[in-house]
Amino acid sequence: MKTTTIILAGTIAALSISILAAPRSAAVFKGDRLVRPEGYREWMFLGSSLGLSYLQDPNMPNAGATLYHDVYIEPRAYREFVQTGRFRRGR
């Protein structure tokens, strides 16, 4: 139970941080192609969400669209969370 709580808290914190602060390895586009961050295949998988939305107005276009997201975290940020129980503020 404690492990589940820590993982859930970490996931929520990671999502909050990604919303509030632009990460160092933010998505970059070159033309119409996504340039993946260096070492992205080593990032830790935190979880997935289906249909999660922060839209305040259900009448907005695409409000009913089903969204699917995978959430990952850089290994360095994950190690820091494991060591301290906290995520650093964005860079």
C-alpha atoms as a PDB file:
ATOM      1  CA  MET A   1       0.000   0.000   0.000  1.00  0.00           C
ATOM      2  CA  LYS A   2       2.819   2.423   0.872  1.00  0.00           C
ATOM      3  CA  THR A   3       4.555   1.730  -2.454  1.00  0.00           C
ATOM      4  CA  THR A   4       1.312   2.351  -4.361  1.00  0.00           C
ATOM      5  CA  THR A   5       0.834   5.646  -2.518  1.00  0.00           C
ATOM      6  CA  ILE A   6       4.384   6.754  -3.299  1.00  0.00           C
ATOM      7  CA  ILE A   7       4.004   5.852  -6.979  1.00  0.00           C
ATOM      8  CA  LEU A   8       0.661   7.659  -7.188  1.00  0.00           C
ATOM      9  CA  ALA A   9       2.081  10.728  -5.427  1.00  0.00           C
ATOM     10  CA  GLY A  10       5.073  10.675  -7.763  1.00  0.00           C
ATOM     11  CA  THR A  11       2.849  10.448 -10.816  1.00  0.00           C
ATOM     12  CA  ILE A  12       0.702  13.354  -9.658  1.00  0.00           C
ATOM     13  CA  ALA A  13       3.779  15.430  -8.821  1.00  0.00           C
ATOM     14  CA  ALA A  14       5.365  14.669 -12.191  1.00  0.00           C
ATOM     15  CA  LEU A  15       2.203  15.671 -14.030  1.00  0.00           C
ATOM     16  CA  SER A  16       1.913  18.865 -11.990  1.00  0.00           C
ATOM     17  CA  ILE A  17       5.523  19.789 -12.635  1.00  0.00           C
ATOM     18  CA  SER A  18       5.218  19.100 -16.350  1.00  0.00           C
ATOM     19  CA  ILE A  19       2.185  21.376 -16.521  1.00  0.00           C
ATOM     20  CA  LEU A  20       3.718  24.213 -14.475  1.00  0.00           C
ATOM     21  CA  ALA A  21       7.303  24.192 -15.731  1.00  0.00           C
ATOM     22  CA  ALA A  22       8.750  23.536 -19.155  1.00  0.00           C
ATOM     23  CA  PRO A  23      11.138  20.592 -18.834  1.00  0.00           C
ATOM     24  CA  ARG A  24      14.671  20.788 -20.197  1.00  0.00           C
ATOM     25  CA  SER A  25      13.802  18.140 -22.785  1.00  0.00           C
ATOM     26  CA  ALA A  26      10.534  19.622 -24.019  1.00  0.00           C
ATOM     27  CA  ALA A  27       9.252  18.411 -27.377  1.00  0.00           C
ATOM     28  CA  VAL A  28      10.940  20.152 -30.274  1.00  0.00           C
ATOM     29  CA  PHE A  29       9.831  20.101 -33.874  1.00  0.00           C
ATOM     30  CA  LYS A  30      12.008  20.458 -36.939  1.00  0.00           C
ATOM     31  CA  GLY A  31       9.574  21.202 -39.706  1.00  0.00           C
ATOM     32  CA  ASP A  32       6.772  18.691 -39.240  1.00  0.00           C
ATOM     33  CA  ARG A  33       8.978  16.066 -37.520  1.00  0.00           C
ATOM     34  CA  LEU A  34       9.280  15.546 -33.779  1.00  0.00           C
ATOM     35  CA  VAL A  35      12.854  15.661 -32.524  1.00  0.00           C
ATOM     36  CA  ARG A  36      13.043  13.193 -29.663  1.00  0.00           C
ATOM     37  CA  PRO A  37      15.020  14.099 -26.520  1.00  0.00           C
ATOM     38  CA  GLU A  38      18.435  12.488 -26.182  1.00  0.00           C
ATOM     39  CA  GLY A  39      18.217   9.254 -24.186  1.00  0.00           C
ATOM     40  CA  TYR A  40      14.414   9.164 -24.271  1.00  0.00           C
ATOM     41  CA  ARG A  41      14.405   5.357 -24.451  1.00  0.00           C
ATOM     42  CA  GLU A  42      15.880   5.250 -20.945  1.00  0.00           C
ATOM     43  CA  TRP A  43      13.107   7.336 -19.362  1.00  0.00           C
ATOM     44  CA  MET A  44      10.984   5.713 -16.624  1.00  0.00           C
ATOM     45  CA  PHE A  45       7.343   4.915 -17.393  1.00  0.00           C
ATOM     46  CA  LEU A  46       5.050   6.409 -14.719  1.00  0.00           C
ATOM     47  CA  GLY A  47       1.627   5.547 -16.036  1.00  0.00           C
ATOM     48  CA  SER A  48      -1.109   6.144 -18.571  1.00  0.00           C
ATOM     49  CA  SER A  49      -4.387   8.002 -18.616  1.00  0.00           C
ATOM     50  CA  LEU A  50      -7.453   7.535 -20.771  1.00  0.00           C
ATOM     51  CA  GLY A  51      -9.949  10.354 -21.133  1.00  0.00           C
ATOM     52  CA  LEU A  52      -8.296  12.674 -18.591  1.00  0.00           C
ATOM     53  CA  SER A  53      -9.087  16.279 -19.421  1.00  0.00           C
ATOM     54  CA  TYR A  54      -8.852  19.612 -17.615  1.00  0.00           C
ATOM     55  CA  LEU A  55     -11.415  21.373 -19.782  1.00  0.00           C
ATOM     56  CA  GLN A  56     -13.719  23.525 -17.649  1.00  0.00           C
ATOM     57  CA  ASP A  57     -16.429  23.877 -20.282  1.00  0.00           C
ATOM     58  CA  PRO A  58     -17.934  20.582 -21.527  1.00  0.00           C
ATOM     59  CA  ASN A  59     -19.375  22.473 -24.537  1.00  0.00           C
ATOM     60  CA  MET A  60     -15.925  23.245 -25.934  1.00  0.00           C
ATOM     61  CA  PRO A  61     -14.955  21.530 -29.199  1.00  0.00           C
ATOM     62  CA  ASN A  62     -13.459  18.075 -28.657  1.00  0.00           C
ATOM     63  CA  ALA A  63     -14.572  18.076 -24.996  1.00  0.00           C
ATOM     64  CA  GLY A  64     -15.799  14.519 -25.417  1.00  0.00           C
ATOM     65  CA  ALA A  65     -12.740  13.294 -27.287  1.00  0.00           C
ATOM     66  CA  THR A  66     -11.036  10.321 -25.699  1.00  0.00           C
ATOM     67  CA  LEU A  67      -7.435  11.238 -24.967  1.00  0.00           C
ATOM     68  CA  TYR A  68      -4.729   8.685 -24.224  1.00  0.00           C
ATOM     69  CA  HIS A  69      -1.401   9.707 -22.735  1.00  0.00           C
ATOM     70  CA  ASP A  70       1.672   7.854 -21.509  1.00  0.00           C
ATOM     71  CA  VAL A  71       3.733   9.652 -18.870  1.00  0.00           C
ATOM     72  CA  TYR A  72       7.512   9.239 -18.619  1.00  0.00           C
ATOM     73  CA  ILE A  73      10.185  10.839 -16.446  1.00  0.00           C
ATOM     74  CA  GLU A  74      13.899  11.342 -17.036  1.00  0.00           C
ATOM     75  CA  PRO A  75      16.061   8.870 -15.064  1.00  0.00           C
ATOM     76  CA  ARG A  76      17.824  11.711 -13.242  1.00  0.00           C
ATOM     77  CA  ALA A  77      14.517  13.171 -12.003  1.00  0.00           C
ATOM     78  CA  TYR A  78      13.302   9.700 -10.995  1.00  0.00           C
ATOM     79  CA  ARG A  79      16.484   9.019  -8.980  1.00  0.00           C
ATOM     80  CA  GLU A  80      16.120  12.342  -7.201  1.00  0.00           C
ATOM     81  CA  PHE A  81      12.511  11.548  -6.300  1.00  0.00           C
ATOM     82  CA  VAL A  82      13.499   8.120  -4.956  1.00  0.00           C
ATOM     83  CA  GLN A  83      16.291   9.667  -2.853  1.00  0.00           C
ATOM     84  CA  THR A  84      14.413  12.694  -1.511  1.00  0.00           C
ATOM     85  CA  GLY A  85      10.712  11.924  -1.931  1.00  0.00           C
ATOM     86  CA  ARG A  86      10.324  15.198  -3.872  1.00  0.00           C
ATOM     87  CA  PHE A  87      10.584  16.478  -7.402  1.00  0.00           C
ATOM     88  CA  ARG A  88      12.710  19.552  -8.049  1.00  0.00           C
ATOM     89  CA  ARG A  89      11.060  22.627  -9.435  1.00  0.00           C
ATOM     90  CA  GLY A  90      11.337  23.042 -13.205  1.00  0.00           C
ATOM     91  CA  ARG A  91      14.554  24.319 -14.722  1.00  0.00           C
END
